[in-house]
Amino acid sequence: MDMTIEEMKEWYCTLPDEALEALSNQFKLLSEPMRMKILLLLAVREQTIQEIVKTVDAKQTNISNHLALLLEGNIVGKRRNGSKIYYSLADKSF
């Protein structure tokens, strides 16, 4: 779809700064390779932190820190089942 300069200006000016900030933050979260590895795993199925650690061969503290950021950004969700916590994509469109 081709847009004229005027159409682009009109479209651009309708985006509130808060929306641009939120979008920018999501891109920042996705720009880290380990986080992308985690998201690719969670796209297949929900997983515990232990499963993620074994698959990507990283330290649990590292994965935990990445998951905390992804949770804060509402990209990943979690649910508890007994003593285990399962992580999954919060938005399946990822």
PDB file of N, CA and C in Angstrom:
ATOM      1  N   MET A   1       0.837  -1.178   0.000  1.00  0.00           N
ATOM      2  CA  MET A   1       0.000   0.000   0.000  1.00  0.00           C
ATOM      3  C   MET A   1       0.882   1.241   0.000  1.00  0.00           C
ATOM      4  N   ASP A   2       0.749   2.051  -1.021  1.00  0.00           N
ATOM      5  CA  ASP A   2       1.519   3.286  -1.112  1.00  0.00           C
ATOM      6  C   ASP A   2       0.752   4.426  -0.472  1.00  0.00           C
ATOM      7  N   MET A   3       1.465   5.211   0.332  1.00  0.00           N
ATOM      8  CA  MET A   3       0.858   6.372   0.995  1.00  0.00           C
ATOM      9  C   MET A   3       1.534   7.634   0.501  1.00  0.00           C
ATOM     10  N   THR A   4       0.767   8.684   0.374  1.00  0.00           N
ATOM     11  CA  THR A   4       1.351   9.973   0.044  1.00  0.00           C
ATOM     12  C   THR A   4       2.013  10.536   1.291  1.00  0.00           C
ATOM     13  N   ILE A   5       2.821  11.546   1.107  1.00  0.00           N
ATOM     14  CA  ILE A   5       3.479  12.212   2.233  1.00  0.00           C
ATOM     15  C   ILE A   5       2.424  12.769   3.194  1.00  0.00           C
ATOM     16  N   GLU A   6       1.375  13.359   2.669  1.00  0.00           N
ATOM     17  CA  GLU A   6       0.318  13.913   3.517  1.00  0.00           C
ATOM     18  C   GLU A   6      -0.385  12.825   4.320  1.00  0.00           C
ATOM     19  N   GLU A   7      -0.642  11.667   3.693  1.00  0.00           N
ATOM     20  CA  GLU A   7      -1.280  10.555   4.408  1.00  0.00           C
ATOM     21  C   GLU A   7      -0.374  10.031   5.512  1.00  0.00           C
ATOM     22  N   MET A   8       0.923   9.953   5.228  1.00  0.00           N
ATOM     23  CA  MET A   8       1.870   9.507   6.251  1.00  0.00           C
ATOM     24  C   MET A   8       1.903  10.479   7.426  1.00  0.00           C
ATOM     25  N   LYS A   9       1.913  11.774   7.132  1.00  0.00           N
ATOM     26  CA  LYS A   9       1.922  12.775   8.206  1.00  0.00           C
ATOM     27  C   LYS A   9       0.666  12.652   9.058  1.00  0.00           C
ATOM     28  N   GLU A  10      -0.476  12.458   8.408  1.00  0.00           N
ATOM     29  CA  GLU A  10      -1.736  12.334   9.134  1.00  0.00           C
ATOM     30  C   GLU A  10      -1.741  11.094  10.017  1.00  0.00           C
ATOM     31  N   TRP A  11      -1.252   9.974   9.487  1.00  0.00           N
ATOM     32  CA  TRP A  11      -1.192   8.725  10.238  1.00  0.00           C
ATOM     33  C   TRP A  11      -0.221   8.849  11.404  1.00  0.00           C
ATOM     34  N   TYR A  12       0.949   9.404  11.128  1.00  0.00           N
ATOM     35  CA  TYR A  12       1.983   9.539  12.146  1.00  0.00           C
ATOM     36  C   TYR A  12       1.510  10.438  13.286  1.00  0.00           C
ATOM     37  N   CYS A  13       0.849  11.513  12.967  1.00  0.00           N
ATOM     38  CA  CYS A  13       0.430  12.481  13.979  1.00  0.00           C
ATOM     39  C   CYS A  13      -0.703  11.956  14.860  1.00  0.00           C
ATOM     40  N   THR A  14      -1.361  10.891  14.451  1.00  0.00           N
ATOM     41  CA  THR A  14      -2.460  10.365  15.263  1.00  0.00           C
ATOM     42  C   THR A  14      -1.980   9.387  16.330  1.00  0.00           C
ATOM     43  N   LEU A  15      -0.716   8.979  16.266  1.00  0.00           N
ATOM     44  CA  LEU A  15      -0.193   8.056  17.268  1.00  0.00           C
ATOM     45  C   LEU A  15       0.234   8.829  18.513  1.00  0.00           C
ATOM     46  N   PRO A  16      -0.408   8.547  19.660  1.00  0.00           N
ATOM     47  CA  PRO A  16      -0.004   9.244  20.889  1.00  0.00           C
ATOM     48  C   PRO A  16       1.406   8.822  21.312  1.00  0.00           C
ATOM     49  N   ASP A  17       2.080   9.724  21.985  1.00  0.00           N
ATOM     50  CA  ASP A  17       3.441   9.445  22.447  1.00  0.00           C
ATOM     51  C   ASP A  17       3.497   8.204  23.329  1.00  0.00           C
ATOM     52  N   GLU A  18       2.453   7.974  24.136  1.00  0.00           N
ATOM     53  CA  GLU A  18       2.420   6.806  25.017  1.00  0.00           C
ATOM     54  C   GLU A  18       2.428   5.514  24.200  1.00  0.00           C
ATOM     55  N   ALA A  19       1.708   5.501  23.077  1.00  0.00           N
ATOM     56  CA  ALA A  19       1.664   4.310  22.226  1.00  0.00           C
ATOM     57  C   ALA A  19       3.023   4.074  21.584  1.00  0.00           C
ATOM     58  N   LEU A  20       3.667   5.150  21.145  1.00  0.00           N
ATOM     59  CA  LEU A  20       4.999   5.020  20.549  1.00  0.00           C
ATOM     60  C   LEU A  20       6.011   4.537  21.581  1.00  0.00           C
ATOM     61  N   GLU A  21       5.899   5.030  22.801  1.00  0.00           N
ATOM     62  CA  GLU A  21       6.794   4.604  23.888  1.00  0.00           C
ATOM     63  C   GLU A  21       6.611   3.122  24.194  1.00  0.00           C
ATOM     64  N   ALA A  22       5.353   2.682  24.281  1.00  0.00           N
ATOM     65  CA  ALA A  22       5.064   1.269  24.562  1.00  0.00           C
ATOM     66  C   ALA A  22       5.595   0.379  23.445  1.00  0.00           C
ATOM     67  N   LEU A  23       5.402   0.790  22.205  1.00  0.00           N
ATOM     68  CA  LEU A  23       5.890   0.013  21.069  1.00  0.00           C
ATOM     69  C   LEU A  23       7.417  -0.051  21.071  1.00  0.00           C
ATOM     70  N   SER A  24       8.039   1.063  21.359  1.00  0.00           N
ATOM     71  CA  SER A  24       9.499   1.113  21.431  1.00  0.00           C
ATOM     72  C   SER A  24      10.027   0.176  22.520  1.00  0.00           C
ATOM     73  N   ASN A  25       9.367   0.158  23.664  1.00  0.00           N
ATOM     74  CA  ASN A  25       9.792  -0.730  24.759  1.00  0.00           C
ATOM     75  C   ASN A  25       9.650  -2.200  24.379  1.00  0.00           C
ATOM     76  N   GLN A  26       8.593  -2.532  23.646  1.00  0.00           N
ATOM     77  CA  GLN A  26       8.421  -3.926  23.208  1.00  0.00           C
ATOM     78  C   GLN A  26       9.556  -4.329  22.265  1.00  0.00           C
ATOM     79  N   PHE A  27       9.913  -3.440  21.351  1.00  0.00           N
ATOM     80  CA  PHE A  27      11.021  -3.747  20.443  1.00  0.00           C
ATOM     81  C   PHE A  27      12.331  -3.907  21.199  1.00  0.00           C
ATOM     82  N   LYS A  28      12.549  -3.104  22.226  1.00  0.00           N
ATOM     83  CA  LYS A  28      13.761  -3.241  23.042  1.00  0.00           C
ATOM     84  C   LYS A  28      13.813  -4.610  23.711  1.00  0.00           C
ATOM     85  N   LEU A  29      12.673  -5.033  24.247  1.00  0.00           N
ATOM     86  CA  LEU A  29      12.621  -6.350  24.893  1.00  0.00           C
ATOM     87  C   LEU A  29      12.918  -7.463  23.900  1.00  0.00           C
ATOM     88  N   LEU A  30      12.437  -7.322  22.686  1.00  0.00           N
ATOM     89  CA  LEU A  30      12.612  -8.364  21.681  1.00  0.00           C
ATOM     90  C   LEU A  30      13.989  -8.340  21.024  1.00  0.00           C
ATOM     91  N   SER A  31      14.766  -7.300  21.277  1.00  0.00           N
ATOM     92  CA  SER A  31      16.054  -7.166  20.588  1.00  0.00           C
ATOM     93  C   SER A  31      17.176  -7.992  21.213  1.00  0.00           C
ATOM     94  N   GLU A  32      16.928  -8.637  22.325  1.00  0.00           N
ATOM     95  CA  GLU A  32      17.955  -9.431  23.006  1.00  0.00           C
ATOM     96  C   GLU A  32      17.859 -10.882  22.536  1.00  0.00           C
ATOM     97  N   PRO A  33      18.947 -11.452  22.006  1.00  0.00           N
ATOM     98  CA  PRO A  33      18.889 -12.815  21.448  1.00  0.00           C
ATOM     99  C   PRO A  33      18.404 -13.889  22.420  1.00  0.00           C
ATOM    100  N   MET A  34      18.799 -13.844  23.684  1.00  0.00           N
ATOM    101  CA  MET A  34      18.354 -14.869  24.628  1.00  0.00           C
ATOM    102  C   MET A  34      16.841 -14.780  24.838  1.00  0.00           C
ATOM    103  N   ARG A  35      16.315 -13.572  24.872  1.00  0.00           N
ATOM    104  CA  ARG A  35      14.865 -13.431  25.023  1.00  0.00           C
ATOM    105  C   ARG A  35      14.137 -13.998  23.807  1.00  0.00           C
ATOM    106  N   MET A  36      14.719 -13.823  22.640  1.00  0.00           N
ATOM    107  CA  MET A  36      14.112 -14.397  21.434  1.00  0.00           C
ATOM    108  C   MET A  36      14.138 -15.924  21.502  1.00  0.00           C
ATOM    109  N   LYS A  37      15.219 -16.501  22.015  1.00  0.00           N
ATOM    110  CA  LYS A  37      15.286 -17.959  22.191  1.00  0.00           C
ATOM    111  C   LYS A  37      14.173 -18.431  23.119  1.00  0.00           C
ATOM    112  N   ILE A  38      13.997 -17.713  24.212  1.00  0.00           N
ATOM    113  CA  ILE A  38      12.952 -18.066  25.177  1.00  0.00           C
ATOM    114  C   ILE A  38      11.580 -17.981  24.521  1.00  0.00           C
ATOM    115  N   LEU A  39      11.332 -16.919  23.783  1.00  0.00           N
ATOM    116  CA  LEU A  39      10.032 -16.749  23.128  1.00  0.00           C
ATOM    117  C   LEU A  39       9.780 -17.823  22.088  1.00  0.00           C
ATOM    118  N   LEU A  40      10.822 -18.223  21.367  1.00  0.00           N
ATOM    119  CA  LEU A  40      10.650 -19.298  20.386  1.00  0.00           C
ATOM    120  C   LEU A  40      10.268 -20.607  21.070  1.00  0.00           C
ATOM    121  N   LEU A  41      10.858 -20.876  22.215  1.00  0.00           N
ATOM    122  CA  LEU A  41      10.489 -22.077  22.972  1.00  0.00           C
ATOM    123  C   LEU A  41       9.047 -22.001  23.461  1.00  0.00           C
ATOM    124  N   LEU A  42       8.664 -20.829  23.948  1.00  0.00           N
ATOM    125  CA  LEU A  42       7.313 -20.673  24.484  1.00  0.00           C
ATOM    126  C   LEU A  42       6.255 -20.635  23.378  1.00  0.00           C
ATOM    127  N   ALA A  43       6.679 -20.381  22.158  1.00  0.00           N
ATOM    128  CA  ALA A  43       5.741 -20.419  21.032  1.00  0.00           C
ATOM    129  C   ALA A  43       5.298 -21.850  20.750  1.00  0.00           C
ATOM    130  N   VAL A  44       6.142 -22.814  21.133  1.00  0.00           N
ATOM    131  CA  VAL A  44       5.820 -24.228  20.921  1.00  0.00           C
ATOM    132  C   VAL A  44       4.861 -24.714  22.002  1.00  0.00           C
ATOM    133  N   ARG A  45       5.199 -24.409  23.279  1.00  0.00           N
ATOM    134  CA  ARG A  45       4.346 -24.808  24.399  1.00  0.00           C
ATOM    135  C   ARG A  45       4.816 -24.099  25.652  1.00  0.00           C
ATOM    136  N   GLU A  46       3.955 -24.081  26.674  1.00  0.00           N
ATOM    137  CA  GLU A  46       4.370 -23.493  27.943  1.00  0.00           C
ATOM    138  C   GLU A  46       5.457 -24.355  28.571  1.00  0.00           C
ATOM    139  N   GLN A  47       6.332 -23.721  29.339  1.00  0.00           N
ATOM    140  CA  GLN A  47       7.462 -24.439  29.925  1.00  0.00           C
ATOM    141  C   GLN A  47       7.809 -23.866  31.288  1.00  0.00           C
ATOM    142  N   THR A  48       8.439 -24.705  32.089  1.00  0.00           N
ATOM    143  CA  THR A  48       8.961 -24.248  33.377  1.00  0.00           C
ATOM    144  C   THR A  48      10.331 -23.623  33.137  1.00  0.00           C
ATOM    145  N   ILE A  49      10.800 -22.900  34.129  1.00  0.00           N
ATOM    146  CA  ILE A  49      12.121 -22.287  34.000  1.00  0.00           C
ATOM    147  C   ILE A  49      13.203 -23.361  33.870  1.00  0.00           C
ATOM    148  N   GLN A  50      13.013 -24.485  34.550  1.00  0.00           N
ATOM    149  CA  GLN A  50      14.000 -25.566  34.471  1.00  0.00           C
ATOM    150  C   GLN A  50      14.090 -26.123  33.043  1.00  0.00           C
ATOM    151  N   GLU A  51      12.952 -26.255  32.394  1.00  0.00           N
ATOM    152  CA  GLU A  51      12.955 -26.748  31.010  1.00  0.00           C
ATOM    153  C   GLU A  51      13.650 -25.757  30.082  1.00  0.00           C
ATOM    154  N   ILE A  52      13.396 -24.486  30.290  1.00  0.00           N
ATOM    155  CA  ILE A  52      14.030 -23.458  29.460  1.00  0.00           C
ATOM    156  C   ILE A  52      15.533 -23.469  29.671  1.00  0.00           C
ATOM    157  N   VAL A  53      15.958 -23.539  30.930  1.00  0.00           N
ATOM    158  CA  VAL A  53      17.393 -23.557  31.266  1.00  0.00           C
ATOM    159  C   VAL A  53      18.088 -24.719  30.569  1.00  0.00           C
ATOM    160  N   LYS A  54      17.496 -25.923  30.627  1.00  0.00           N
ATOM    161  CA  LYS A  54      18.103 -27.098  29.993  1.00  0.00           C
ATOM    162  C   LYS A  54      18.190 -26.941  28.481  1.00  0.00           C
ATOM    163  N   THR A  55      17.151 -26.395  27.882  1.00  0.00           N
ATOM    164  CA  THR A  55      17.111 -26.295  26.423  1.00  0.00           C
ATOM    165  C   THR A  55      18.100 -25.269  25.885  1.00  0.00           C
ATOM    166  N   VAL A  56      18.193 -24.112  26.525  1.00  0.00           N
ATOM    167  CA  VAL A  56      19.074 -23.058  26.005  1.00  0.00           C
ATOM    168  C   VAL A  56      20.466 -23.102  26.618  1.00  0.00           C
ATOM    169  N   ASP A  57      20.672 -24.003  27.581  1.00  0.00           N
ATOM    170  CA  ASP A  57      21.980 -24.176  28.219  1.00  0.00           C
ATOM    171  C   ASP A  57      22.498 -22.860  28.806  1.00  0.00           C
ATOM    172  N   ALA A  58      21.702 -22.299  29.713  1.00  0.00           N
ATOM    173  CA  ALA A  58      22.068 -21.051  30.378  1.00  0.00           C
ATOM    174  C   ALA A  58      21.836 -21.199  31.875  1.00  0.00           C
ATOM    175  N   LYS A  59      22.332 -20.245  32.624  1.00  0.00           N
ATOM    176  CA  LYS A  59      22.142 -20.270  34.078  1.00  0.00           C
ATOM    177  C   LYS A  59      20.720 -19.840  34.427  1.00  0.00           C
ATOM    178  N   GLN A  60      20.193 -20.443  35.490  1.00  0.00           N
ATOM    179  CA  GLN A  60      18.822 -20.158  35.893  1.00  0.00           C
ATOM    180  C   GLN A  60      18.623 -18.685  36.230  1.00  0.00           C
ATOM    181  N   THR A  61      19.610 -18.059  36.866  1.00  0.00           N
ATOM    182  CA  THR A  61      19.465 -16.639  37.220  1.00  0.00           C
ATOM    183  C   THR A  61      19.343 -15.778  35.963  1.00  0.00           C
ATOM    184  N   ASN A  62      20.088 -16.131  34.928  1.00  0.00           N
ATOM    185  CA  ASN A  62      20.026 -15.397  33.660  1.00  0.00           C
ATOM    186  C   ASN A  62      18.634 -15.517  33.044  1.00  0.00           C
ATOM    187  N   ILE A  63      18.122 -16.727  32.978  1.00  0.00           N
ATOM    188  CA  ILE A  63      16.798 -16.960  32.394  1.00  0.00           C
ATOM    189  C   ILE A  63      15.730 -16.285  33.250  1.00  0.00           C
ATOM    190  N   SER A  64      15.866 -16.364  34.547  1.00  0.00           N
ATOM    191  CA  SER A  64      14.919 -15.738  35.457  1.00  0.00           C
ATOM    192  C   SER A  64      14.851 -14.227  35.236  1.00  0.00           C
ATOM    193  N   ASN A  65      16.008 -13.601  35.055  1.00  0.00           N
ATOM    194  CA  ASN A  65      16.044 -12.157  34.796  1.00  0.00           C
ATOM    195  C   ASN A  65      15.345 -11.809  33.477  1.00  0.00           C
ATOM    196  N   HIS A  66      15.604 -12.602  32.450  1.00  0.00           N
ATOM    197  CA  HIS A  66      14.956 -12.362  31.156  1.00  0.00           C
ATOM    198  C   HIS A  66      13.444 -12.557  31.259  1.00  0.00           C
ATOM    199  N   LEU A  67      13.014 -13.605  31.955  1.00  0.00           N
ATOM    200  CA  LEU A  67      11.583 -13.852  32.113  1.00  0.00           C
ATOM    201  C   LEU A  67      10.907 -12.721  32.889  1.00  0.00           C
ATOM    202  N   ALA A  68      11.586 -12.187  33.884  1.00  0.00           N
ATOM    203  CA  ALA A  68      11.026 -11.077  34.660  1.00  0.00           C
ATOM    204  C   ALA A  68      10.768  -9.866  33.764  1.00  0.00           C
ATOM    205  N   LEU A  69      11.702  -9.576  32.876  1.00  0.00           N
ATOM    206  CA  LEU A  69      11.526  -8.451  31.953  1.00  0.00           C
ATOM    207  C   LEU A  69      10.390  -8.717  30.967  1.00  0.00           C
ATOM    208  N   LEU A  70      10.322  -9.945  30.469  1.00  0.00           N
ATOM    209  CA  LEU A  70       9.256 -10.302  29.536  1.00  0.00           C
ATOM    210  C   LEU A  70       7.889 -10.291  30.212  1.00  0.00           C
ATOM    211  N   LEU A  71       7.839 -10.682  31.471  1.00  0.00           N
ATOM    212  CA  LEU A  71       6.596 -10.614  32.245  1.00  0.00           C
ATOM    213  C   LEU A  71       6.181  -9.159  32.453  1.00  0.00           C
ATOM    214  N   GLU A  72       7.133  -8.334  32.813  1.00  0.00           N
ATOM    215  CA  GLU A  72       6.868  -6.917  33.043  1.00  0.00           C
ATOM    216  C   GLU A  72       6.361  -6.236  31.768  1.00  0.00           C
ATOM    217  N   GLY A  73       6.871  -6.687  30.625  1.00  0.00           N
ATOM    218  CA  GLY A  73       6.456  -6.132  29.344  1.00  0.00           C
ATOM    219  C   GLY A  73       5.182  -6.755  28.793  1.00  0.00           C
ATOM    220  N   ASN A  74       4.569  -7.647  29.567  1.00  0.00           N
ATOM    221  CA  ASN A  74       3.332  -8.335  29.164  1.00  0.00           C
ATOM    222  C   ASN A  74       3.488  -9.149  27.880  1.00  0.00           C
ATOM    223  N   ILE A  75       4.683  -9.630  27.637  1.00  0.00           N
ATOM    224  CA  ILE A  75       4.926 -10.484  26.484  1.00  0.00           C
ATOM    225  C   ILE A  75       4.765 -11.942  26.886  1.00  0.00           C
ATOM    226  N   VAL A  76       5.094 -12.237  28.135  1.00  0.00           N
ATOM    227  CA  VAL A  76       5.008 -13.592  28.681  1.00  0.00           C
ATOM    228  C   VAL A  76       4.057 -13.576  29.878  1.00  0.00           C
ATOM    229  N   GLY A  77       3.350 -14.677  30.049  1.00  0.00           N
ATOM    230  CA  GLY A  77       2.498 -14.855  31.217  1.00  0.00           C
ATOM    231  C   GLY A  77       2.967 -16.070  32.000  1.00  0.00           C
ATOM    232  N   LYS A  78       2.431 -16.241  33.194  1.00  0.00           N
ATOM    233  CA  LYS A  78       2.805 -17.409  33.986  1.00  0.00           C
ATOM    234  C   LYS A  78       1.593 -17.913  34.751  1.00  0.00           C
ATOM    235  N   ARG A  79       1.659 -19.203  35.067  1.00  0.00           N
ATOM    236  CA  ARG A  79       0.622 -19.809  35.906  1.00  0.00           C
ATOM    237  C   ARG A  79       1.304 -20.814  36.817  1.00  0.00           C
ATOM    238  N   ARG A  80       0.747 -20.965  38.000  1.00  0.00           N
ATOM    239  CA  ARG A  80       1.294 -21.903  38.979  1.00  0.00           C
ATOM    240  C   ARG A  80       0.447 -23.165  38.981  1.00  0.00           C
ATOM    241  N   ASN A  81       1.133 -24.314  39.016  1.00  0.00           N
ATOM    242  CA  ASN A  81       0.475 -25.607  39.161  1.00  0.00           C
ATOM    243  C   ASN A  81       1.241 -26.353  40.246  1.00  0.00           C
ATOM    244  N   GLY A  82       0.719 -26.309  41.446  1.00  0.00           N
ATOM    245  CA  GLY A  82       1.436 -26.897  42.574  1.00  0.00           C
ATOM    246  C   GLY A  82       2.679 -26.093  42.867  1.00  0.00           C
ATOM    247  N   SER A  83       3.825 -26.756  42.863  1.00  0.00           N
ATOM    248  CA  SER A  83       5.084 -26.062  43.150  1.00  0.00           C
ATOM    249  C   SER A  83       5.779 -25.561  41.887  1.00  0.00           C
ATOM    250  N   LYS A  84       5.207 -25.842  40.722  1.00  0.00           N
ATOM    251  CA  LYS A  84       5.830 -25.435  39.458  1.00  0.00           C
ATOM    252  C   LYS A  84       5.146 -24.201  38.882  1.00  0.00           C
ATOM    253  N   ILE A  85       5.959 -23.366  38.240  1.00  0.00           N
ATOM    254  CA  ILE A  85       5.444 -22.201  37.528  1.00  0.00           C
ATOM    255  C   ILE A  85       5.696 -22.429  36.045  1.00  0.00           C
ATOM    256  N   TYR A  86       4.634 -22.302  35.275  1.00  0.00           N
ATOM    257  CA  TYR A  86       4.711 -22.482  33.827  1.00  0.00           C
ATOM    258  C   TYR A  86       4.630 -21.125  33.141  1.00  0.00           C
ATOM    259  N   TYR A  87       5.529 -20.906  32.186  1.00  0.00           N
ATOM    260  CA  TYR A  87       5.565 -19.667  31.426  1.00  0.00           C
ATOM    261  C   TYR A  87       5.025 -19.938  30.031  1.00  0.00           C
ATOM    262  N   SER A  88       4.332 -18.949  29.486  1.00  0.00           N
ATOM    263  CA  SER A  88       3.773 -19.066  28.138  1.00  0.00           C
ATOM    264  C   SER A  88       3.727 -17.676  27.522  1.00  0.00           C
ATOM    265  N   LEU A  89       3.479 -17.632  26.225  1.00  0.00           N
ATOM    266  CA  LEU A  89       3.309 -16.349  25.560  1.00  0.00           C
ATOM    267  C   LEU A  89       2.003 -15.726  26.025  1.00  0.00           C
ATOM    268  N   ALA A  90       2.043 -14.475  26.401  1.00  0.00           N
ATOM    269  CA  ALA A  90       0.842 -13.773  26.835  1.00  0.00           C
ATOM    270  C   ALA A  90      -0.048 -13.458  25.640  1.00  0.00           C
ATOM    271  N   ASP A  91       0.587 -13.226  24.500  1.00  0.00           N
ATOM    272  CA  ASP A  91      -0.123 -12.886  23.273  1.00  0.00           C
ATOM    273  C   ASP A  91       0.305 -13.875  22.208  1.00  0.00           C
ATOM    274  N   LYS A  92      -0.605 -14.731  21.793  1.00  0.00           N
ATOM    275  CA  LYS A  92      -0.266 -15.798  20.843  1.00  0.00           C
ATOM    276  C   LYS A  92       0.075 -15.277  19.445  1.00  0.00           C
ATOM    277  N   SER A  93      -0.104 -13.981  19.198  1.00  0.00           N
ATOM    278  CA  SER A  93       0.222 -13.447  17.884  1.00  0.00           C
ATOM    279  C   SER A  93       1.724 -13.259  17.692  1.00  0.00           C
ATOM    280  N   PHE A  94       2.508 -13.437  18.759  1.00  0.00           N
ATOM    281  CA  PHE A  94       3.964 -13.307  18.627  1.00  0.00           C
ATOM    282  C   PHE A  94       4.527 -14.408  17.819  1.00  0.00           C
TER     283      PHE A  94
END
